[in-house]
C-alpha cells in the first residue's frame, strides 16, 4: 500500500479491515508471550510493522488492552476462574505451540503457527476485549445530533438545541454543533454567538474557536471569534477558558460579569470590562457606541459589513464616536460618520472602505 493510500487512523478502516488487522496484531502479541520467541521472529515482526503505520497502532492497542485486562485481574482475582487462560498458561505449555516452517512472509496471520489451546483461548479473549473496547469507544464518539448553521450580513439567527440549550448567532457567523453520549461540543468557526446552556453535569458543554476552548456545565455566555483573539463574556454561571495548544497556561475561570480575551498562540489573557446585563447586546439587533474610539468602531463595522474598513490616518483613530448601529444596515452608520466626526468615508474600487481626515 502506498503512502497516499494508507489510512491515517484505525477509525478510517472498514469493520472487516479492522477485524483482520486486529487479528494479525493479536497473533503477534500472543506469539511474543511464548518462551520460544526468537530473533527471527523479532525480525519478522519488525518487517510487518514497517509495512504500514497502522500495524504499530493496532499492536499498541492490543498490548494496552492486555495490560488493562491484567490490571483488572489483579483487582478482582475472585472473578477469574481457574479454567480461564492467562499469559502464564501460554508460557507454561510451549510444546503444544509447535509451528511448521515459515513460507517467506512477515504476516503474522499467515505464518501457519499451530497454537496450543491456552494460546488460542488467550488470543480469542484478547480480540474480544479489543473489539468490545473499540465498540464502546465508537459509540462514545459517534454524534447522535449534529447541526451546522451560518448567518449572512445583517442576519441574526436563534437556534434551539435538543437538550433545551439555546444559541443566538450574530451576523456573518458560522457554527457547528455535535452532541455525543457524554459530551456536547460546538465549534464557532467565525463570528459571534451567545449560548444559554441547559445544565447537565454528565455532559459538559464546550465551545471551540480556533485553538481556544470554553468549557461549561450550565451557564449563559457570549463567545466572539476575533482573530488572533477569542473574547468571552459571562452573563451568568461560570466558564473555564483555555488555549488548546501544547504548553499553554492553565485555564482561567470566569463568573458572571467577567470578560476575557485570549490569544491562544501566545497564551496571553487580557481582562476586559463588561456588565452582566450588557453581554451580547447585539441580540436586540442594535449596538450602542458610547464615546468609543473610531478604531474600535471601525472594527465592529468591518465585521458587520463583512468587508475591510481602514482608518488611513493614525491621528484620527482615537476620535470618540457615539451612536446606535442597526445591524441590519451597517453601511448607513458608516456613511453617517462624517456628521459626527471630522472624517471622510471613501468606498474603495477593490472593495471595502477607507476613512480619512476631513
Protein backbone atom coordinates (compact mmCIF):
# COMPACT_ATOMS: atom_id res chain seq x y z
CA UNK A 1 0.00 0.00 0.00
CA UNK A 2 1.42 3.38 -0.97
CA UNK A 3 1.75 6.32 1.37
CA UNK A 4 -1.18 8.08 -0.31
CA UNK A 5 -3.39 5.02 0.13
CA UNK A 6 -2.53 4.28 3.76
CA UNK A 7 -5.36 5.34 6.11
CA UNK A 8 -4.28 7.83 8.73
CA UNK A 9 -6.12 6.19 11.64
CA UNK A 10 -7.67 2.90 12.66
CA UNK A 11 -11.07 4.60 12.60
CA UNK A 12 -10.76 5.03 8.83
CA UNK A 13 -10.78 1.25 8.22
CA UNK A 14 -13.87 -0.74 7.36
CA UNK A 15 -15.10 -3.19 10.05
CA UNK A 16 -13.75 -6.13 8.04
CA UNK A 17 -10.33 -4.49 7.59
CA UNK A 18 -10.19 -3.58 11.27
CA UNK A 19 -11.08 -7.11 12.37
CA UNK A 20 -8.40 -8.61 10.10
CA UNK A 21 -5.77 -6.14 11.33
CA UNK A 22 -6.63 -6.75 14.99
CA UNK A 23 -6.46 -10.50 14.45
CA UNK A 24 -2.98 -10.20 12.90
CA UNK A 25 -1.81 -7.90 15.70
CA UNK A 26 -3.28 -10.28 18.27
CA UNK A 27 -1.35 -13.16 16.70
CA UNK A 28 1.88 -11.23 17.05
CA UNK A 29 1.18 -10.17 20.63
CA UNK A 30 0.32 -13.68 21.83
CA UNK A 31 3.25 -15.19 19.91
CA UNK A 32 5.61 -12.78 21.69
CA UNK A 33 4.40 -14.16 25.03
CA UNK A 34 5.69 -17.66 24.20
CA UNK A 35 9.09 -18.73 25.53
CA UNK A 36 10.38 -19.88 22.12
CA UNK A 37 10.29 -16.37 20.62
CA UNK A 38 13.45 -15.98 18.53
CA UNK A 39 15.48 -13.29 16.82
CA UNK A 40 13.99 -14.40 13.51
CA UNK A 41 10.52 -13.87 14.97
CA UNK A 42 11.54 -10.37 16.07
CA UNK A 43 12.80 -9.53 12.58
CA UNK A 44 9.59 -10.83 11.03
CA UNK A 45 7.56 -8.69 13.43
CA UNK A 46 9.62 -5.61 12.59
CA UNK A 47 9.07 -6.25 8.89
CA UNK A 48 5.31 -6.47 9.48
CA UNK A 49 5.35 -3.24 11.47
CA UNK A 50 7.27 -1.48 8.69
CA UNK A 51 4.65 -2.37 6.09
CA UNK A 52 2.06 0.08 7.42
CA UNK A 53 1.95 2.65 10.23
CA UNK A 54 -1.42 1.24 11.27
CA UNK A 55 0.23 -2.08 12.18
CA UNK A 56 2.06 -0.40 15.07
CA UNK A 57 -1.15 1.34 16.17
CA UNK A 58 -3.05 -1.93 16.21
CA UNK A 59 -0.29 -3.78 18.10
CA UNK A 60 -0.06 -0.97 20.67
CA UNK A 61 -3.83 -1.11 21.21
CA UNK A 62 -3.70 -4.89 21.65
CA UNK A 63 -0.85 -4.56 24.18
CA UNK A 64 -2.65 -1.83 26.12
CA UNK A 65 -5.87 -3.85 26.22
CA UNK A 66 -4.00 -6.87 27.55
CA UNK A 67 -2.24 -4.73 30.16
CA UNK A 68 -5.59 -3.29 31.28
CA UNK A 69 -7.05 -6.79 31.50
CA UNK A 70 -4.16 -7.96 33.68
CA UNK A 71 -4.66 -4.97 35.98
CA UNK A 72 -8.34 -5.83 36.21
CA UNK A 73 -7.48 -9.43 37.09
CA UNK A 74 -5.26 -8.25 39.96
CA UNK A 75 -8.04 -6.02 41.28
CA UNK A 76 -10.70 -8.73 41.13
CA UNK A 77 -8.92 -12.11 41.36
CA UNK A 78 -12.01 -13.89 42.63
CA UNK A 79 -13.91 -13.12 39.46
CA UNK A 80 -11.43 -15.13 37.35
CA UNK A 81 -11.99 -18.88 37.47
CA UNK A 82 -9.18 -21.41 37.42
CA UNK A 83 -10.23 -22.52 33.94
CA UNK A 84 -9.53 -19.18 32.31
CA UNK A 85 -6.39 -18.63 30.28
CA UNK A 86 -3.57 -16.26 31.14
CA UNK A 87 -0.17 -15.45 29.72
CA UNK A 88 1.36 -17.77 32.32
CA UNK A 89 -0.75 -20.64 30.95
CA UNK A 90 0.64 -19.99 27.49
CA UNK A 91 4.26 -19.82 28.67
CA UNK A 92 3.81 -23.00 30.70
CA UNK A 93 2.84 -25.10 27.64
CA UNK A 94 5.26 -24.30 24.84
CA UNK A 95 5.40 -27.85 23.47
CA UNK A 96 1.92 -27.71 22.00
CA UNK A 97 2.67 -24.49 20.14
CA UNK A 98 4.91 -26.08 17.53
CA UNK A 99 4.73 -24.38 14.14
CA UNK A 100 5.56 -25.50 10.61
CA UNK A 101 8.32 -23.71 8.68
CA UNK A 102 7.62 -20.16 7.59
CA UNK A 103 6.86 -19.55 3.93
CA UNK A 104 8.81 -16.32 3.41
CA UNK A 105 6.16 -13.91 4.66
CA UNK A 106 6.23 -11.43 7.52
CA UNK A 107 2.47 -11.56 8.06
CA UNK A 108 1.79 -12.98 11.48
CA UNK A 109 -1.66 -14.22 10.49
CA UNK A 110 -0.24 -16.28 7.64
CA UNK A 111 2.78 -17.83 9.36
CA UNK A 112 0.89 -21.03 9.95
CA UNK A 113 1.61 -21.33 13.66
CA UNK A 114 -0.35 -24.11 15.44
CA UNK A 115 -1.46 -22.51 18.67
CA UNK A 116 -1.91 -24.55 21.84
CA UNK A 117 -5.41 -24.34 23.31
CA UNK A 118 -4.30 -21.86 26.03
CA UNK A 119 -2.78 -19.62 23.35
CA UNK A 120 -5.92 -19.90 21.23
CA UNK A 121 -8.10 -19.03 24.20
CA UNK A 122 -5.84 -16.09 25.10
CA UNK A 123 -5.95 -14.73 21.54
CA UNK A 124 -9.75 -15.09 21.37
CA UNK A 125 -10.22 -13.37 24.74
CA UNK A 126 -7.80 -10.61 23.75
CA UNK A 127 -9.57 -9.92 20.47
CA UNK A 128 -12.91 -9.90 22.26
CA UNK A 129 -11.61 -7.30 24.71
CA UNK A 130 -10.22 -5.16 21.90
CA UNK A 131 -13.39 -5.25 19.80
CA UNK A 132 -15.58 -4.57 22.83
CA UNK A 133 -13.42 -1.61 23.79
CA UNK A 134 -13.44 -0.28 20.25
CA UNK A 135 -17.21 -0.67 20.08
CA UNK A 136 -17.59 1.34 23.28
CA UNK A 137 -15.16 3.98 22.01
CA UNK A 138 -17.00 4.18 18.69
CA UNK A 139 -20.33 4.63 20.48
CA UNK A 140 -18.94 7.36 22.74
CA UNK A 141 -17.51 9.24 19.76
CA UNK A 142 -20.49 8.97 17.42
CA UNK A 143 -22.64 12.10 17.40
CA UNK A 144 -26.36 11.47 17.78
CA UNK A 145 -27.18 15.08 16.92
CA UNK A 146 -25.36 17.45 14.55
CA UNK A 147 -26.17 20.88 13.21
CA UNK A 148 -24.38 23.41 11.00
CA UNK A 149 -25.68 26.99 10.96
CA UNK A 150 -24.49 30.20 9.33
CA UNK A 151 -25.70 33.79 9.01
CA UNK A 152 -25.09 36.48 6.41
CA UNK A 153 -24.68 40.24 6.63
CA UNK A 154 -27.31 41.80 8.89
CA UNK A 155 -28.81 38.37 9.71
CA UNK A 156 -29.35 37.10 13.26
CA UNK A 157 -30.50 33.56 13.99
CA UNK A 158 -31.81 31.74 17.06
CA UNK A 159 -31.13 28.01 17.48
CA UNK A 160 -32.91 25.62 19.85
CA UNK A 161 -30.82 22.55 20.74
CA UNK A 162 -32.35 19.19 21.74
CA UNK A 163 -31.31 19.41 25.42
CA UNK A 164 -33.04 22.77 25.91
CA UNK A 165 -29.91 24.85 25.35
CA UNK A 166 -30.29 27.95 23.20
CA UNK A 167 -27.89 29.71 20.86
CA UNK A 168 -28.18 33.16 19.28
CA UNK A 169 -25.95 33.53 16.23
CA UNK A 170 -24.73 37.00 15.29
CA UNK A 171 -24.35 38.29 11.72
CA UNK A 172 -21.63 36.82 9.48
CA UNK A 173 -21.10 33.86 11.79
CA UNK A 174 -20.73 30.11 11.34
CA UNK A 175 -21.34 27.42 13.99
CA UNK A 176 -21.21 23.63 14.20
CA UNK A 177 -22.96 21.60 16.91
CA UNK A 178 -22.28 17.95 17.78
CA UNK A 179 -23.88 16.07 20.68
CA UNK A 180 -22.26 12.82 21.84
CA UNK A 181 -23.43 10.41 24.57
CA UNK A 182 -21.16 12.01 27.20
CA UNK A 183 -20.36 15.50 25.89
CA UNK A 184 -21.79 18.42 23.95
CA UNK A 185 -19.42 20.13 21.52
CA UNK A 186 -19.80 23.26 19.41
CA UNK A 187 -17.33 24.92 17.08
CA UNK A 188 -17.53 28.65 16.33
CA UNK A 189 -15.70 28.84 13.03
CA UNK A 190 -16.41 32.53 12.53
CA UNK A 191 -18.23 35.46 14.10
CA UNK A 192 -20.07 35.57 17.42
CA UNK A 193 -22.63 33.56 19.36
CA UNK A 194 -24.47 33.75 22.67
CA UNK A 195 -25.05 30.45 24.50
CA UNK A 196 -27.59 29.68 27.19
CA UNK A 197 -26.66 26.17 28.21
CA UNK A 198 -29.02 23.72 29.91
CA UNK A 199 -27.24 22.25 32.97
CA UNK A 200 -26.11 18.62 32.70
CA UNK A 201 -23.18 17.56 34.89
CA UNK A 202 -22.83 14.31 32.91
CA UNK A 203 -22.41 16.12 29.60
CA UNK A 204 -20.04 19.10 29.67
CA UNK A 205 -20.65 21.75 27.02
CA UNK A 206 -17.67 23.14 25.10
CA UNK A 207 -17.27 25.91 22.56
CA UNK A 208 -14.12 25.72 20.45
CA UNK A 209 -12.90 28.58 18.29
CA UNK A 210 -9.53 28.07 16.65
CA UNK A 211 -7.18 27.00 19.45
CA UNK A 212 -9.41 28.35 22.23
CA UNK A 213 -11.94 26.37 24.26
CA UNK A 214 -14.70 27.44 26.62
CA UNK A 215 -15.99 24.69 28.90
CA UNK A 216 -19.17 24.81 31.00
CA UNK A 217 -21.90 22.68 32.54
CA UNK A 218 -24.73 25.20 32.55
CA UNK A 219 -24.49 28.97 32.15
CA UNK A 220 -25.09 31.90 29.78
CA UNK A 221 -22.15 33.47 27.97
CA UNK A 222 -21.03 35.11 24.74
CA UNK A 223 -18.12 34.00 22.54
CA UNK A 224 -16.65 36.11 19.78
CA UNK A 225 -14.05 34.90 17.31
CA UNK A 226 -11.87 38.00 16.80
CA UNK A 227 -8.60 36.60 15.40
CA UNK A 228 -5.97 36.44 16.73
CA UNK A 229 -8.08 36.55 19.92
CA UNK A 230 -11.26 34.98 21.18
CA UNK A 231 -13.38 37.12 23.51
CA UNK A 232 -15.65 35.59 26.18
CA UNK A 233 -18.24 37.47 28.25
CA UNK A 234 -20.21 35.73 31.01
CA UNK A 235 -23.77 36.76 31.83
CA UNK A 236 -24.45 34.10 34.46
CA UNK A 237 -22.83 30.97 35.84
CA UNK A 238 -19.19 30.01 35.42
CA UNK A 239 -16.98 29.07 32.47
CA UNK A 240 -13.38 27.93 32.01
CA UNK A 241 -11.40 29.50 29.16
CA UNK A 242 -8.18 27.93 27.90
CA UNK A 243 -5.84 27.57 24.96
CA UNK A 244 -5.69 24.06 23.46
CA UNK A 245 -2.12 24.49 22.22
CA UNK A 246 0.58 22.37 23.96
CA UNK A 247 2.35 24.08 26.83
CA UNK A 248 -0.38 26.69 27.31
CA UNK A 249 -1.18 28.25 30.72
CA UNK A 250 -3.83 26.79 33.00
CA UNK A 251 -7.50 27.61 32.22
CA UNK A 252 -8.95 30.84 33.59
CA UNK A 253 -12.32 30.69 35.34
CA UNK A 254 -14.82 33.46 34.60
CA UNK A 255 -18.00 34.20 36.54
CA UNK A 256 -20.99 36.49 35.91
CA UNK A 257 -19.98 39.99 34.85
CA UNK A 258 -16.48 38.97 33.81
CA UNK A 259 -14.93 39.14 30.34
CA UNK A 260 -11.61 37.91 28.99
CA UNK A 261 -9.77 37.96 25.68
CA UNK A 262 -7.40 35.07 24.95
CA UNK A 263 -4.70 35.00 22.29
CA UNK A 264 -4.02 31.24 22.08
CA UNK A 265 -0.77 31.43 20.11
CA UNK A 266 0.89 33.45 22.88
CA UNK A 267 -1.13 32.00 25.78
CA UNK A 268 -1.94 35.60 26.67
CA UNK A 269 -5.08 36.54 28.66
CA UNK A 270 -6.44 40.09 28.69
CA UNK A 271 -9.19 41.04 31.14
CA UNK A 272 -12.00 43.24 29.83
CA UNK A 273 -14.71 45.32 31.46
CA UNK A 274 -18.36 44.31 30.95
CA UNK A 275 -21.64 44.44 32.83
CA UNK A 276 -23.70 41.26 33.02
CA UNK A 277 -26.76 42.98 31.54
CA UNK A 278 -24.69 44.26 28.60
CA UNK A 279 -23.45 40.83 27.49
CA UNK A 280 -24.47 40.12 23.89
CA UNK A 281 -26.45 43.31 23.49
CA UNK A 282 -26.33 42.67 19.74
CA UNK A 283 -29.22 40.22 20.20
CA UNK A 284 -31.56 43.24 20.15
CA UNK A 285 -30.40 43.95 16.59
CA UNK A 286 -28.59 47.10 17.67
CA UNK A 287 -25.21 48.03 19.15
CA UNK A 288 -24.78 51.27 21.05
CA UNK A 289 -21.42 53.04 20.94
CA UNK A 290 -20.77 55.49 23.76
CA UNK A 291 -17.63 57.51 23.10
CA UNK A 292 -15.83 54.51 21.64
CA UNK A 293 -12.56 55.18 19.75
CA UNK A 294 -13.03 55.31 15.99
CA UNK A 295 -10.58 52.40 15.56
CA UNK A 296 -12.80 50.12 17.68
CA UNK A 297 -15.96 51.28 15.92
CA UNK A 298 -14.47 50.51 12.52
CA UNK A 299 -13.52 47.01 13.69
CA UNK A 300 -17.16 46.39 14.58
CA UNK A 301 -18.34 47.87 11.28
CA UNK A 302 -15.94 45.69 9.30
CA UNK A 303 -17.35 42.59 10.95
CA UNK A 304 -20.96 43.50 10.28
CA UNK A 305 -20.22 44.69 6.75
CA UNK A 306 -18.08 41.60 6.11
CA UNK A 307 -15.63 43.94 4.39
CA UNK A 308 -12.44 45.76 5.49
CA UNK A 309 -12.74 49.27 6.92
CA UNK A 310 -9.38 51.06 7.01
CA UNK A 311 -8.52 54.13 9.09
CA UNK A 312 -5.94 55.78 6.84
CA UNK A 313 -4.73 58.44 9.28
CA UNK A 314 -3.46 57.19 12.69
CA UNK A 315 -4.19 60.64 14.16
CA UNK A 316 -7.96 60.07 13.92
CA UNK A 317 -8.04 56.52 15.35
CA UNK A 318 -8.82 57.80 18.86
CA UNK A 319 -11.70 60.13 17.88
CA UNK A 320 -14.62 59.26 20.21
CA UNK A 321 -17.76 58.06 18.43
CA UNK A 322 -21.26 57.77 19.88
CA UNK A 323 -24.29 56.39 18.09
CA UNK A 324 -26.66 53.48 17.53
CA UNK A 325 -25.67 50.89 14.95
CA UNK A 326 -28.54 48.95 13.37
CA UNK A 327 -27.06 45.56 12.47
CA UNK A 328 -29.42 45.20 9.52
CA UNK A 329 -27.90 48.31 7.86
CA UNK A 330 -24.26 48.84 9.00
CA UNK A 331 -23.41 50.75 5.81
CA UNK A 332 -25.82 53.52 6.79
CA UNK A 333 -23.96 54.03 10.10
CA UNK A 334 -20.62 54.11 8.28
CA UNK A 335 -21.75 56.74 5.78
CA UNK A 336 -23.12 58.87 8.63
CA UNK A 337 -19.74 59.11 10.41
CA UNK A 338 -18.85 62.48 8.79
CA UNK A 339 -21.88 64.00 10.54
CA UNK A 340 -20.48 63.18 13.99
CA UNK A 341 -16.73 63.43 13.39
CA UNK A 342 -14.30 65.37 11.21
CA UNK A 343 -13.71 62.45 8.82
CA UNK A 344 -14.39 61.47 5.24
CA UNK A 345 -15.61 57.99 4.20
CA UNK A 346 -14.43 56.58 0.87
CA UNK A 347 -15.60 53.41 -0.87
CA UNK A 348 -12.66 51.55 -2.44
CA UNK A 349 -12.89 50.19 -6.02
CA UNK A 350 -11.45 46.84 -4.95
CA UNK A 351 -13.97 46.52 -2.13
CA UNK A 352 -14.04 47.77 1.43
CA UNK A 353 -13.83 51.25 2.84
CA UNK A 354 -11.28 53.89 3.85
CA UNK A 355 -11.74 56.65 6.47
CA UNK A 356 -9.60 59.78 6.20
CA UNK A 357 -9.30 63.08 7.96
CA UNK A 358 -11.78 65.62 6.52
